[in-house]
Amino acid sequence: MGCCASSLIEEAPHEEEKEQHQTTQKTLSHQFTPPPSSGLDPPTNGASFFSEFSFSYLKAATNNFSSDNIVSESGEKAPNIVYKGRLQNRQWIAVKKFTKMAWPDPKQFKEEACGVGKLRHNRLANLIGYCCDGDERLLVAEYMPNDTLAKHLFHFPTVQVAASLGDFSDSIGENQTIEWAMRLRVAFYIAEVLDYCHAEDHSLYHDLNAYRVLFDEHGDPRLSCFGLMKNSRDGKSYSTNLAYMPPEYIKNERVTPESVIYSFGTVLLDLLSGKHIPPSHALDMIRGKNIDLLMDSHLEGNFSTEEATVVFGLASQCLQYEPRERPSTKDIVVMLAPLQTKPDLDAIRNAKYYFDIDAELLVKLTIPSHVMLQISKNDGAPSTPRRPLSPMGEACSRTDLTAIHQILVTMHYRDDEGTNELSFQEWTQQMRDMLEARKRGDFAFRDKDFKAAIDCYSQFIDGGTMVSPTVFARRSLCYLFSDQPDAALLDAMQAQCVYPDWPIAFYMQSVALAKLNMHKDAADMLNEAAGFEKKRQRGGKGS
């Protein structure tokens, strides 16, 4: 595994293993504890595993890298795409897919990824895995569902208040922007995680900007882990305009810890002004004491002039031409901590580290980030509109196992076409035995002898020569009838691995999740199934 010791790796299924065994996909997970920081020991957020994934696994997780799952495109200067996906344990992920041959040396890519994968901080969108199959290079991180700082700061939504009058409506636009206290929290949280990375000997961050700051399900700001690696082995570290690059980088094209501080200064300017203005222009205005002209007009004066002056002063220090004159990450955290007038619980704990503050007294002042960001708190799952359901969908929505059974019997094996291409030599006695086992399973399934059906279908699956999503779906239903929802869920996931966009696989997962009392996940899965079914009706595989 190169630099990745087995104690750090959760091995995800590989294609050849799936074809040989066709049994329940299990991961070998080994929890590791990041080395203690030389500075503040941050509370973790539960992301304590790091995995190597196969390309086929991530392909299934992102629905074949569907364009519908794209959440970020970097453009011509950094032509990598980020996709939204979902692991088999229901966790949402962000998958960064590098261009071909961006990292030609697999060992170097693994070493870089494993180094970033050791970092764990609740202000970081943590890296949880990577893929290095052939010439494919991908990174897998925690998914942040509430957009980027750039989206909230530069492209914030307009709330429409509509009054319907027949076929006509009048709408009044009310601008929503990030309030001042939330901007201070963003600055503080990002400074915290930069200080943590510095303490963990990962002080280089490539192209720090407002698009690298993400918001999690609670509305808390997090720094994308993707910036801790370059877009390619020999690629540039900055894809922004020259006007925003650190002066020393323009000369030698090398990122240094001081370069990261300069980029953090540009983020401070973004937070102050609500605009992406060139640092040189901003510094001229700061020197001319035209601070009021720089402040974001959308705040409508709702900010502390004293606090703004402190932040402008800090931004000016970060943007000094000489790298040695810029502050350290620790200095930045110390300067921003006293400005947290609406801290959350974690901010309070961290404030106790830097200052002697009674945390219990400050708890009363706690205001959650999602409130200040004016968003609804959610569990991290992307919101999706509910779609109309087919008869199969309706049966799954009410967990009507009898109706599902009737539909699967009627469907027979029509969706298995193309999943097996066997040579003449493969038609052995073993093959005939497997087909006979499947046939016996079909008779038992039709007659509702689910225990016998499980035994026969298991014999077929364990043979490992043929792959049938229908058999997995049928055995999944047999497990449901036998009150084994965990096994049913795994079989439905196996069906999805064989046939990634098969609606039946998603429908069966929704029923199993409902039986496990995971009702929100079940509803989301039901909606995904309905979406795939709608695509099939427009000309996909099967009918």
Protein backbone atom coordinates (compact mmCIF):
# COMPACT_ATOMS: atom_id res chain seq x y z
CA MET A 1 0.00 0.00 0.00
CA GLY A 2 3.01 2.32 -0.14
CA CYS A 3 2.75 4.93 2.60
CA CYS A 4 -0.67 3.75 3.70
CA ALA A 5 -0.20 1.22 6.45
CA SER A 6 -2.98 -1.31 6.78
CA SER A 7 -3.93 0.19 10.11
CA LEU A 8 -4.99 3.35 8.31
CA ILE A 9 -6.99 1.83 5.48
CA GLU A 10 -10.58 0.78 5.14
CA GLU A 11 -10.42 -1.32 1.99
CA ALA A 12 -13.42 -0.83 -0.28
CA PRO A 13 -14.55 -3.59 -2.65
CA HIS A 14 -12.60 -4.14 -5.86
CA GLU A 15 -14.16 -5.29 -9.08
CA GLU A 16 -12.34 -8.59 -9.22
CA GLU A 17 -13.42 -9.49 -5.69
CA LYS A 18 -17.01 -8.71 -6.57
CA GLU A 19 -16.87 -10.97 -9.59
CA GLN A 20 -15.20 -13.84 -7.75
CA HIS A 21 -17.35 -13.94 -4.65
CA GLN A 22 -20.58 -12.01 -5.26
CA THR A 23 -21.28 -12.13 -1.57
CA THR A 24 -22.16 -9.37 0.82
CA GLN A 25 -19.76 -6.51 0.34
CA LYS A 26 -17.95 -5.80 3.56
CA THR A 27 -15.22 -3.31 4.27
CA LEU A 28 -12.20 -3.94 6.43
CA SER A 29 -12.16 -0.87 8.61
CA HIS A 30 -9.41 0.13 10.97
CA GLN A 31 -9.90 3.17 13.11
CA PHE A 32 -6.95 5.44 13.62
CA THR A 33 -6.38 8.39 15.88
CA PRO A 34 -4.63 11.41 14.37
CA PRO A 35 -1.41 12.36 16.13
CA PRO A 36 -1.93 15.00 18.82
CA SER A 37 -1.53 18.57 17.67
CA SER A 38 1.25 20.65 19.08
CA GLY A 39 -1.33 23.38 19.50
CA LEU A 40 -5.01 23.13 20.34
CA ASP A 41 -6.28 19.56 20.33
CA PRO A 42 -9.48 20.00 18.29
CA PRO A 43 -12.66 18.04 18.91
CA THR A 44 -13.25 15.56 16.11
CA ASN A 45 -16.50 15.19 14.22
CA GLY A 46 -16.58 11.40 14.01
CA ALA A 47 -14.82 11.12 10.65
CA SER A 48 -12.22 8.65 11.90
CA PHE A 49 -11.76 6.31 8.94
CA PHE A 50 -9.67 6.56 5.82
CA SER A 51 -10.29 4.21 2.90
CA GLU A 52 -8.97 3.13 -0.46
CA PHE A 53 -11.88 2.78 -2.90
CA SER A 54 -12.07 0.95 -6.19
CA PHE A 55 -13.06 2.98 -9.24
CA SER A 56 -16.11 0.78 -9.82
CA TYR A 57 -17.27 1.42 -6.24
CA LEU A 58 -17.12 5.21 -6.69
CA LYS A 59 -18.70 4.89 -10.10
CA ALA A 60 -21.70 3.24 -8.47
CA ALA A 61 -21.72 5.77 -5.61
CA THR A 62 -21.96 8.69 -8.08
CA ASN A 63 -24.44 7.00 -10.42
CA ASN A 64 -21.81 6.48 -13.11
CA PHE A 65 -20.41 9.99 -12.55
CA SER A 66 -23.70 11.41 -13.72
CA SER A 67 -23.76 15.05 -14.81
CA ASP A 68 -26.71 15.43 -12.42
CA ASN A 69 -24.27 14.77 -9.56
CA ILE A 70 -21.73 17.46 -10.47
CA VAL A 71 -21.38 19.99 -7.66
CA SER A 72 -18.24 21.82 -8.79
CA GLU A 73 -16.31 22.35 -12.00
CA SER A 74 -12.95 24.06 -11.86
CA GLY A 75 -12.67 25.41 -15.40
CA GLU A 76 -9.89 25.26 -17.95
CA LYS A 77 -7.07 26.21 -15.57
CA ALA A 78 -7.98 23.45 -13.11
CA PRO A 79 -10.10 21.02 -15.12
CA ASN A 80 -11.15 18.69 -12.29
CA ILE A 81 -14.75 17.90 -11.45
CA VAL A 82 -16.34 17.25 -8.06
CA TYR A 83 -19.32 14.89 -7.86
CA LYS A 84 -21.81 14.23 -5.12
CA GLY A 85 -22.14 10.56 -4.19
CA ARG A 86 -23.35 8.20 -1.51
CA LEU A 87 -21.58 5.31 0.16
CA GLN A 88 -23.24 2.03 1.03
CA ASN A 89 -23.42 3.13 4.67
CA ARG A 90 -25.66 6.02 3.48
CA GLN A 91 -22.98 8.69 4.01
CA TRP A 92 -22.95 11.49 1.45
CA ILE A 93 -19.56 12.16 -0.11
CA ALA A 94 -17.82 14.59 -2.46
CA VAL A 95 -15.64 12.88 -5.09
CA LYS A 96 -12.95 14.90 -6.87
CA LYS A 97 -12.05 13.30 -10.19
CA PHE A 98 -8.69 14.35 -11.58
CA THR A 99 -7.91 14.51 -15.27
CA LYS A 100 -6.11 11.58 -16.86
CA MET A 101 -2.44 11.45 -15.94
CA ALA A 102 -2.69 14.40 -13.53
CA TRP A 103 -0.75 12.22 -11.09
CA PRO A 104 1.13 9.67 -13.24
CA ASP A 105 3.01 8.16 -10.30
CA PRO A 106 0.48 6.16 -8.22
CA LYS A 107 2.85 5.93 -5.26
CA GLN A 108 3.21 9.71 -5.09
CA PHE A 109 -0.55 10.20 -5.29
CA LYS A 110 -1.14 7.65 -2.49
CA GLU A 111 1.46 9.28 -0.29
CA GLU A 112 -0.10 12.73 -0.77
CA ALA A 113 -3.63 11.44 -0.18
CA CYS A 114 -2.68 9.40 2.89
CA GLY A 115 -0.92 12.41 4.38
CA VAL A 116 -4.04 14.56 4.03
CA GLY A 117 -6.20 11.63 5.18
CA LYS A 118 -4.52 11.63 8.59
CA LEU A 119 -5.88 15.11 9.33
CA ARG A 120 -9.11 15.23 11.33
CA HIS A 121 -10.73 18.47 12.45
CA ASN A 122 -14.31 19.62 12.77
CA ARG A 123 -13.47 22.79 10.85
CA LEU A 124 -12.24 20.72 7.90
CA ALA A 125 -14.28 18.89 5.26
CA ASN A 126 -12.20 15.81 5.99
CA LEU A 127 -10.68 13.51 3.38
CA ILE A 128 -12.06 10.02 3.95
CA GLY A 129 -10.53 8.13 1.03
CA TYR A 130 -8.93 7.97 -2.38
CA CYS A 131 -8.88 5.86 -5.54
CA CYS A 132 -5.80 4.90 -7.52
CA ASP A 133 -7.06 2.34 -10.07
CA GLY A 134 -5.00 2.24 -13.27
CA ASP A 135 -4.64 5.84 -14.37
CA GLU A 136 -7.71 6.97 -12.42
CA ARG A 137 -7.04 9.35 -9.55
CA LEU A 138 -9.86 10.42 -7.23
CA LEU A 139 -10.23 11.91 -3.75
CA VAL A 140 -13.25 11.27 -1.49
CA ALA A 141 -14.28 13.79 1.16
CA GLU A 142 -17.17 14.52 3.47
CA TYR A 143 -20.01 16.20 1.57
CA MET A 144 -21.01 19.71 2.64
CA PRO A 145 -24.64 20.37 1.64
CA ASN A 146 -24.95 24.14 2.12
CA ASP A 147 -22.81 25.60 -0.68
CA THR A 148 -19.70 27.75 -0.56
CA LEU A 149 -18.84 31.06 1.06
CA ALA A 150 -18.61 32.55 -2.43
CA LYS A 151 -22.20 31.47 -3.15
CA HIS A 152 -23.52 33.01 0.08
CA LEU A 153 -21.36 36.11 -0.13
CA PHE A 154 -21.36 37.02 -3.81
CA HIS A 155 -24.46 35.25 -5.15
CA PHE A 156 -26.81 35.22 -2.19
CA PRO A 157 -30.49 34.51 -2.98
CA THR A 158 -33.32 36.95 -3.15
CA VAL A 159 -36.34 35.97 -1.08
CA GLN A 160 -39.45 36.34 -3.19
CA VAL A 161 -42.65 37.36 -1.40
CA ALA A 162 -45.36 36.50 -3.92
CA ALA A 163 -49.00 37.56 -3.93
CA SER A 164 -50.94 35.47 -6.44
CA LEU A 165 -53.73 37.10 -8.37
CA GLY A 166 -55.21 34.69 -10.87
CA ASP A 167 -52.47 33.92 -13.39
CA PHE A 168 -50.43 36.90 -12.28
CA SER A 169 -48.18 37.50 -9.29
CA ASP A 170 -46.20 40.38 -7.89
CA SER A 171 -42.98 39.64 -6.09
CA ILE A 172 -40.96 41.80 -3.76
CA GLY A 173 -37.26 40.96 -3.66
CA GLU A 174 -35.61 41.05 -0.25
CA ASN A 175 -31.85 40.54 -0.30
CA GLN A 176 -30.36 38.06 2.17
CA THR A 177 -26.69 38.30 3.00
CA ILE A 178 -24.45 36.88 5.71
CA GLU A 179 -24.74 38.88 8.92
CA TRP A 180 -21.66 40.41 10.51
CA ALA A 181 -21.34 37.95 13.42
CA MET A 182 -21.43 35.03 10.97
CA ARG A 183 -18.65 36.59 8.89
CA LEU A 184 -16.50 36.84 11.99
CA ARG A 185 -17.26 33.19 12.76
CA VAL A 186 -16.20 32.14 9.26
CA ALA A 187 -12.89 33.98 9.62
CA PHE A 188 -12.24 32.46 13.05
CA TYR A 189 -13.12 28.88 12.08
CA ILE A 190 -10.95 28.95 8.96
CA ALA A 191 -8.08 30.44 10.95
CA GLU A 192 -8.49 27.63 13.49
CA VAL A 193 -8.23 24.88 10.91
CA LEU A 194 -5.27 26.54 9.17
CA ASP A 195 -3.54 26.68 12.54
CA TYR A 196 -4.32 23.00 13.10
CA CYS A 197 -2.95 22.05 9.68
CA HIS A 198 0.18 24.09 10.39
CA ALA A 199 0.66 22.25 13.69
CA GLU A 200 0.25 18.93 11.86
CA ASP A 201 2.97 19.86 9.33
CA HIS A 202 0.44 20.52 6.52
CA SER A 203 0.83 24.28 6.34
CA LEU A 204 0.61 24.50 2.54
CA TYR A 205 -2.86 25.15 1.15
CA HIS A 206 -3.30 25.68 -2.58
CA ASP A 207 -5.50 28.50 -3.89
CA LEU A 208 -7.30 29.45 -0.67
CA ASN A 209 -10.35 31.50 -1.60
CA ALA A 210 -14.05 31.89 -0.85
CA TYR A 211 -14.90 28.87 -3.02
CA ARG A 212 -12.81 26.65 -0.72
CA VAL A 213 -14.95 27.53 2.32
CA LEU A 214 -17.97 25.22 2.57
CA PHE A 215 -20.94 25.02 4.92
CA ASP A 216 -21.95 21.76 6.57
CA GLU A 217 -25.39 20.46 7.56
CA HIS A 218 -25.37 22.67 10.66
CA GLY A 219 -24.38 25.77 8.70
CA ASP A 220 -20.89 25.73 10.21
CA PRO A 221 -18.07 26.83 7.89
CA ARG A 222 -15.45 24.24 6.96
CA LEU A 223 -12.34 24.38 4.82
CA SER A 224 -12.25 22.00 1.85
CA CYS A 225 -9.54 19.34 2.21
CA PHE A 226 -9.08 19.32 -1.57
CA GLY A 227 -6.90 22.43 -1.36
CA LEU A 228 -4.35 20.49 0.68
CA MET A 229 -3.32 18.75 -2.56
CA LYS A 230 -2.45 20.30 -5.91
CA ASN A 231 -4.63 19.66 -8.95
CA SER A 232 -1.77 17.73 -10.53
CA ARG A 233 1.76 16.71 -9.72
CA ASP A 234 3.30 19.45 -11.87
CA GLY A 235 0.34 21.82 -11.98
CA LYS A 236 0.09 25.35 -10.67
CA SER A 237 -1.10 25.93 -7.12
CA TYR A 238 -3.24 28.95 -8.00
CA SER A 239 -5.92 29.17 -10.66
CA THR A 240 -7.08 32.68 -9.73
CA ASN A 241 -6.31 35.99 -11.39
CA LEU A 242 -2.76 37.33 -11.01
CA ALA A 243 -4.14 40.25 -9.01
CA TYR A 244 -5.05 37.90 -6.14
CA MET A 245 -1.87 35.78 -6.06
CA PRO A 246 0.82 36.26 -3.41
CA PRO A 247 3.60 38.41 -4.91
CA GLU A 248 6.28 35.81 -4.19
CA TYR A 249 4.26 33.10 -5.96
CA ILE A 250 4.19 35.19 -9.13
CA LYS A 251 8.01 35.21 -9.01
CA ASN A 252 8.82 31.58 -8.22
CA GLU A 253 5.48 29.69 -8.44
CA ARG A 254 6.06 28.08 -5.04
CA VAL A 255 3.52 27.96 -2.24
CA THR A 256 4.86 28.70 1.22
CA PRO A 257 3.13 28.99 4.60
CA GLU A 258 3.36 32.76 4.18
CA SER A 259 1.59 32.49 0.81
CA VAL A 260 -1.34 30.82 2.58
CA ILE A 261 -1.52 33.73 5.03
CA TYR A 262 -1.68 36.15 2.08
CA SER A 263 -4.57 34.19 0.58
CA PHE A 264 -6.34 34.20 3.94
CA GLY A 265 -6.06 37.99 3.81
CA THR A 266 -7.96 38.01 0.50
CA VAL A 267 -10.73 35.93 2.14
CA LEU A 268 -10.91 38.51 4.95
CA LEU A 269 -11.36 41.22 2.31
CA ASP A 270 -14.17 39.19 0.74
CA LEU A 271 -15.90 38.91 4.13
CA LEU A 272 -15.55 42.62 4.79
CA SER A 273 -16.54 43.96 1.39
CA GLY A 274 -18.91 41.30 0.08
CA LYS A 275 -16.96 41.60 -3.17
CA HIS A 276 -13.89 39.96 -4.65
CA ILE A 277 -11.68 43.03 -4.99
CA PRO A 278 -7.94 43.06 -5.80
CA PRO A 279 -5.83 43.30 -2.63
CA SER A 280 -3.75 46.20 -3.97
CA HIS A 281 -6.88 48.30 -4.46
CA ALA A 282 -8.18 47.40 -1.00
CA LEU A 283 -4.85 48.24 0.66
CA ASP A 284 -4.83 51.67 -0.98
CA MET A 285 -8.27 52.35 0.47
CA ILE A 286 -7.25 51.06 3.91
CA ARG A 287 -4.18 53.32 3.92
CA GLY A 288 -6.42 56.20 2.88
CA LYS A 289 -8.73 55.30 5.79
CA ASN A 290 -11.66 54.78 3.41
CA ILE A 291 -12.79 51.74 5.37
CA ASP A 292 -16.46 52.66 5.25
CA LEU A 293 -16.34 52.61 1.45
CA LEU A 294 -14.92 49.09 1.53
CA MET A 295 -17.58 47.64 3.85
CA ASP A 296 -20.37 45.56 2.28
CA SER A 297 -23.35 47.85 1.71
CA HIS A 298 -25.72 44.88 2.12
CA LEU A 299 -24.91 44.87 5.84
CA GLU A 300 -26.73 48.21 5.96
CA GLY A 301 -24.52 49.43 8.77
CA ASN A 302 -25.27 46.44 11.02
CA PHE A 303 -21.72 45.84 12.18
CA SER A 304 -19.31 47.05 14.82
CA THR A 305 -16.93 49.68 13.47
CA GLU A 306 -14.42 48.70 16.15
CA GLU A 307 -14.54 45.04 15.12
CA ALA A 308 -14.36 45.91 11.43
CA THR A 309 -11.27 48.05 12.11
CA VAL A 310 -9.58 45.10 13.80
CA VAL A 311 -10.37 42.79 10.85
CA PHE A 312 -9.18 45.38 8.32
CA GLY A 313 -5.96 45.73 10.27
CA LEU A 314 -5.50 41.96 10.28
CA ALA A 315 -6.21 41.77 6.55
CA SER A 316 -3.62 44.48 5.95
CA GLN A 317 -1.03 42.48 7.93
CA CYS A 318 -1.81 39.28 6.00
CA LEU A 319 -1.41 41.10 2.69
CA GLN A 320 2.02 42.57 3.40
CA TYR A 321 4.33 42.40 0.40
CA GLU A 322 7.18 40.89 2.41
CA PRO A 323 6.24 37.35 3.53
CA ARG A 324 8.18 37.64 6.81
CA GLU A 325 6.01 40.59 7.87
CA ARG A 326 2.80 38.55 7.79
CA PRO A 327 1.33 37.10 11.00
CA SER A 328 1.36 33.39 11.89
CA THR A 329 -1.78 31.27 12.01
CA LYS A 330 -1.59 31.30 15.82
CA ASP A 331 -1.44 35.11 15.82
CA ILE A 332 -4.50 35.26 13.57
CA VAL A 333 -6.53 32.96 15.83
CA VAL A 334 -5.62 35.02 18.90
CA MET A 335 -6.71 38.23 17.17
CA LEU A 336 -10.04 36.85 15.93
CA ALA A 337 -11.10 34.91 19.05
CA PRO A 338 -12.22 37.98 21.09
CA LEU A 339 -14.49 39.06 18.22
CA GLN A 340 -16.71 35.98 18.53
CA THR A 341 -19.66 37.75 20.14
CA LYS A 342 -22.10 35.01 19.11
CA PRO A 343 -20.01 31.89 19.67
CA ASP A 344 -21.28 28.35 19.35
CA LEU A 345 -20.32 25.66 21.84
CA ASP A 346 -17.16 24.60 20.01
CA ALA A 347 -16.04 28.20 19.65
CA ILE A 348 -16.54 28.63 23.39
CA ARG A 349 -14.40 25.59 24.18
CA ASN A 350 -11.66 26.89 21.91
CA ALA A 351 -11.89 30.36 23.43
CA LYS A 352 -11.15 28.78 26.81
CA TYR A 353 -7.91 27.51 25.31
CA TYR A 354 -6.75 30.98 24.28
CA PHE A 355 -8.35 33.01 27.05
CA ASP A 356 -9.52 32.45 30.61
CA ILE A 357 -13.25 32.66 29.83
CA ASP A 358 -16.02 31.00 31.82
CA ALA A 359 -17.62 28.82 29.14
CA GLU A 360 -20.73 28.18 31.19
CA LEU A 361 -21.57 31.88 31.26
CA LEU A 362 -21.08 32.14 27.50
CA VAL A 363 -23.40 29.24 26.68
CA LYS A 364 -26.37 31.61 26.99
CA LEU A 365 -25.00 33.61 24.06
CA THR A 366 -24.77 30.60 21.76
CA ILE A 367 -26.45 31.12 18.41
CA PRO A 368 -26.23 28.20 15.93
CA SER A 369 -24.59 28.90 12.58
CA HIS A 370 -27.62 27.75 10.58
CA VAL A 371 -29.67 30.49 12.27
CA MET A 372 -27.17 33.20 11.40
CA LEU A 373 -26.78 31.81 7.88
CA GLN A 374 -30.59 31.83 7.51
CA ILE A 375 -30.85 28.25 6.35
CA SER A 376 -32.76 25.24 7.62
CA LYS A 377 -30.73 22.77 9.63
CA ASN A 378 -30.71 19.33 8.01
CA ASP A 379 -28.97 15.99 8.40
CA GLY A 380 -26.61 16.58 5.50
CA ALA A 381 -28.67 14.89 2.80
CA PRO A 382 -29.28 17.06 -0.26
CA SER A 383 -32.89 18.08 -0.48
CA THR A 384 -34.73 16.56 -3.41
CA PRO A 385 -38.29 17.04 -4.58
CA ARG A 386 -40.56 14.04 -4.23
CA ARG A 387 -41.49 12.40 -7.51
CA PRO A 388 -44.67 10.55 -8.51
CA LEU A 389 -44.41 6.81 -7.89
CA SER A 390 -45.02 3.79 -10.10
CA PRO A 391 -46.88 0.71 -8.79
CA MET A 392 -43.53 -0.65 -7.57
CA GLY A 393 -42.78 2.66 -5.89
CA GLU A 394 -46.19 2.76 -4.25
CA ALA A 395 -45.75 -0.79 -2.95
CA CYS A 396 -42.33 0.09 -1.53
CA SER A 397 -43.57 3.32 0.02
CA ARG A 398 -46.07 1.35 2.11
CA THR A 399 -43.65 -1.61 2.57
CA ASP A 400 -46.22 -3.95 1.03
CA LEU A 401 -44.04 -7.04 0.66
CA THR A 402 -46.82 -9.09 -0.95
CA ALA A 403 -47.32 -6.53 -3.72
CA ILE A 404 -43.55 -6.26 -4.25
CA HIS A 405 -43.39 -10.05 -4.53
CA GLN A 406 -46.07 -10.09 -7.22
CA ILE A 407 -44.24 -7.42 -9.23
CA LEU A 408 -40.87 -9.20 -9.04
CA VAL A 409 -42.45 -12.51 -10.11
CA THR A 410 -44.05 -10.77 -13.10
CA MET A 411 -40.79 -9.03 -14.09
CA HIS A 412 -38.91 -12.34 -14.23
CA TYR A 413 -35.31 -11.66 -15.47
CA ARG A 414 -35.90 -9.08 -18.18
CA ASP A 415 -33.51 -6.54 -16.58
CA ASP A 416 -30.60 -8.99 -16.41
CA GLU A 417 -29.91 -8.68 -20.13
CA GLY A 418 -26.30 -7.70 -20.73
CA THR A 419 -25.07 -8.34 -17.18
CA ASN A 420 -23.50 -11.67 -18.23
CA GLU A 421 -21.50 -12.36 -21.37
CA LEU A 422 -20.21 -15.94 -21.14
CA SER A 423 -17.85 -17.72 -23.48
CA PHE A 424 -18.52 -21.19 -24.82
CA GLN A 425 -15.85 -22.58 -22.49
CA GLU A 426 -17.68 -21.25 -19.46
CA TRP A 427 -20.72 -23.46 -20.09
CA THR A 428 -19.46 -26.12 -17.72
CA GLN A 429 -21.20 -28.56 -15.45
CA GLN A 430 -20.77 -26.01 -12.68
CA MET A 431 -22.66 -23.48 -14.79
CA ARG A 432 -25.49 -25.91 -15.34
CA ASP A 433 -25.61 -26.62 -11.61
CA MET A 434 -25.81 -22.91 -10.86
CA LEU A 435 -28.64 -22.36 -13.32
CA GLU A 436 -30.46 -25.33 -11.84
CA ALA A 437 -30.05 -23.80 -8.35
CA ARG A 438 -31.47 -20.51 -9.62
CA LYS A 439 -34.37 -22.35 -11.21
CA ARG A 440 -35.16 -24.10 -7.93
CA GLY A 441 -34.93 -20.74 -6.21
CA ASP A 442 -37.39 -19.25 -8.70
CA PHE A 443 -39.93 -22.00 -8.01
CA ALA A 444 -39.54 -21.52 -4.25
CA PHE A 445 -39.80 -17.74 -4.64
CA ARG A 446 -42.96 -18.05 -6.72
CA ASP A 447 -44.47 -20.40 -4.09
CA LYS A 448 -43.43 -18.08 -1.24
CA ASP A 449 -41.11 -20.65 0.32
CA PHE A 450 -38.65 -17.92 1.18
CA LYS A 451 -36.25 -19.99 3.27
CA ALA A 452 -35.74 -22.45 0.43
CA ALA A 453 -35.43 -19.58 -2.03
CA ILE A 454 -32.67 -18.01 0.08
CA ASP A 455 -30.75 -21.32 0.11
CA CYS A 456 -31.05 -21.82 -3.64
CA TYR A 457 -30.24 -18.22 -4.57
CA SER A 458 -27.23 -18.30 -2.20
CA GLN A 459 -25.93 -21.38 -4.01
CA PHE A 460 -26.26 -19.51 -7.31
CA ILE A 461 -24.54 -16.37 -5.96
CA ASP A 462 -21.72 -18.23 -4.24
CA GLY A 463 -20.87 -19.97 -7.53
CA GLY A 464 -19.42 -16.63 -8.60
CA THR A 465 -19.53 -17.19 -12.38
CA MET A 466 -22.79 -15.46 -13.22
CA VAL A 467 -24.01 -12.14 -11.84
CA SER A 468 -27.73 -11.38 -11.60
CA PRO A 469 -29.17 -8.19 -10.10
CA THR A 470 -32.59 -9.86 -10.14
CA VAL A 471 -31.38 -12.70 -7.93
CA PHE A 472 -30.04 -10.17 -5.42
CA ALA A 473 -33.35 -8.29 -5.49
CA ARG A 474 -35.33 -11.50 -5.01
CA ARG A 475 -33.13 -12.71 -2.17
CA SER A 476 -33.42 -9.25 -0.61
CA LEU A 477 -37.19 -9.62 -0.55
CA CYS A 478 -36.86 -13.12 0.89
CA TYR A 479 -34.79 -11.69 3.73
CA LEU A 480 -37.46 -9.05 4.34
CA PHE A 481 -40.14 -11.74 4.59
CA SER A 482 -37.81 -13.52 7.03
CA ASP A 483 -37.37 -10.41 9.23
CA GLN A 484 -33.73 -9.92 8.26
CA PRO A 485 -33.68 -6.29 7.04
CA ASP A 486 -29.89 -5.89 7.41
CA ALA A 487 -29.23 -8.77 5.01
CA ALA A 488 -31.97 -7.44 2.73
CA LEU A 489 -30.30 -4.03 2.57
CA LEU A 490 -26.91 -5.50 1.68
CA ASP A 491 -28.41 -7.61 -1.12
CA ALA A 492 -30.18 -4.56 -2.53
CA MET A 493 -26.86 -2.71 -2.47
CA GLN A 494 -25.23 -5.63 -4.28
CA ALA A 495 -27.90 -5.35 -6.96
CA GLN A 496 -27.00 -1.67 -7.35
CA CYS A 497 -23.30 -2.54 -7.72
CA VAL A 498 -24.14 -4.95 -10.54
CA TYR A 499 -26.55 -2.52 -12.21
CA PRO A 500 -25.85 1.02 -10.86
CA ASP A 501 -28.95 2.81 -12.17
CA TRP A 502 -31.50 0.00 -11.76
CA PRO A 503 -34.61 1.40 -10.03
CA ILE A 504 -35.49 -1.94 -8.41
CA ALA A 505 -32.19 -1.94 -6.48
CA PHE A 506 -33.03 1.48 -5.04
CA TYR A 507 -36.63 0.51 -4.32
CA MET A 508 -35.52 -2.57 -2.38
CA GLN A 509 -33.03 -0.47 -0.40
CA SER A 510 -35.83 1.93 0.54
CA VAL A 511 -37.96 -0.90 1.92
CA ALA A 512 -35.06 -2.37 3.91
CA LEU A 513 -34.21 1.07 5.33
CA ALA A 514 -37.84 1.56 6.36
CA LYS A 515 -37.78 -1.81 8.12
CA LEU A 516 -34.65 -0.62 9.96
CA ASN A 517 -36.57 2.51 11.07
CA MET A 518 -34.32 4.75 8.97
CA HIS A 519 -37.31 6.52 7.55
CA LYS A 520 -35.69 9.66 6.14
CA ASP A 521 -33.05 7.61 4.32
CA ALA A 522 -35.84 5.34 3.08
CA ALA A 523 -37.77 8.32 1.71
CA ASP A 524 -34.66 9.69 -0.02
CA MET A 525 -33.90 6.29 -1.55
CA LEU A 526 -37.49 5.96 -2.75
CA ASN A 527 -37.18 9.31 -4.46
CA GLU A 528 -33.91 8.28 -6.13
CA ALA A 529 -35.57 5.11 -7.40
CA ALA A 530 -38.44 7.10 -8.86
CA GLY A 531 -35.94 9.38 -10.62
CA PHE A 532 -34.14 6.45 -12.24
CA GLU A 533 -37.46 4.95 -13.27
CA LYS A 534 -38.44 8.19 -14.95
CA LYS A 535 -35.15 8.17 -16.90
CA ARG A 536 -35.81 4.60 -18.04
CA GLN A 537 -39.20 5.61 -19.33
CA ARG A 538 -37.46 8.19 -21.52
CA GLY A 539 -35.44 5.46 -23.21
CA GLY A 540 -33.15 3.69 -20.77
CA LYS A 541 -32.45 0.01 -20.26
CA GLY A 542 -35.43 -2.21 -19.67
CA SER A 543 -38.96 -0.96 -19.37
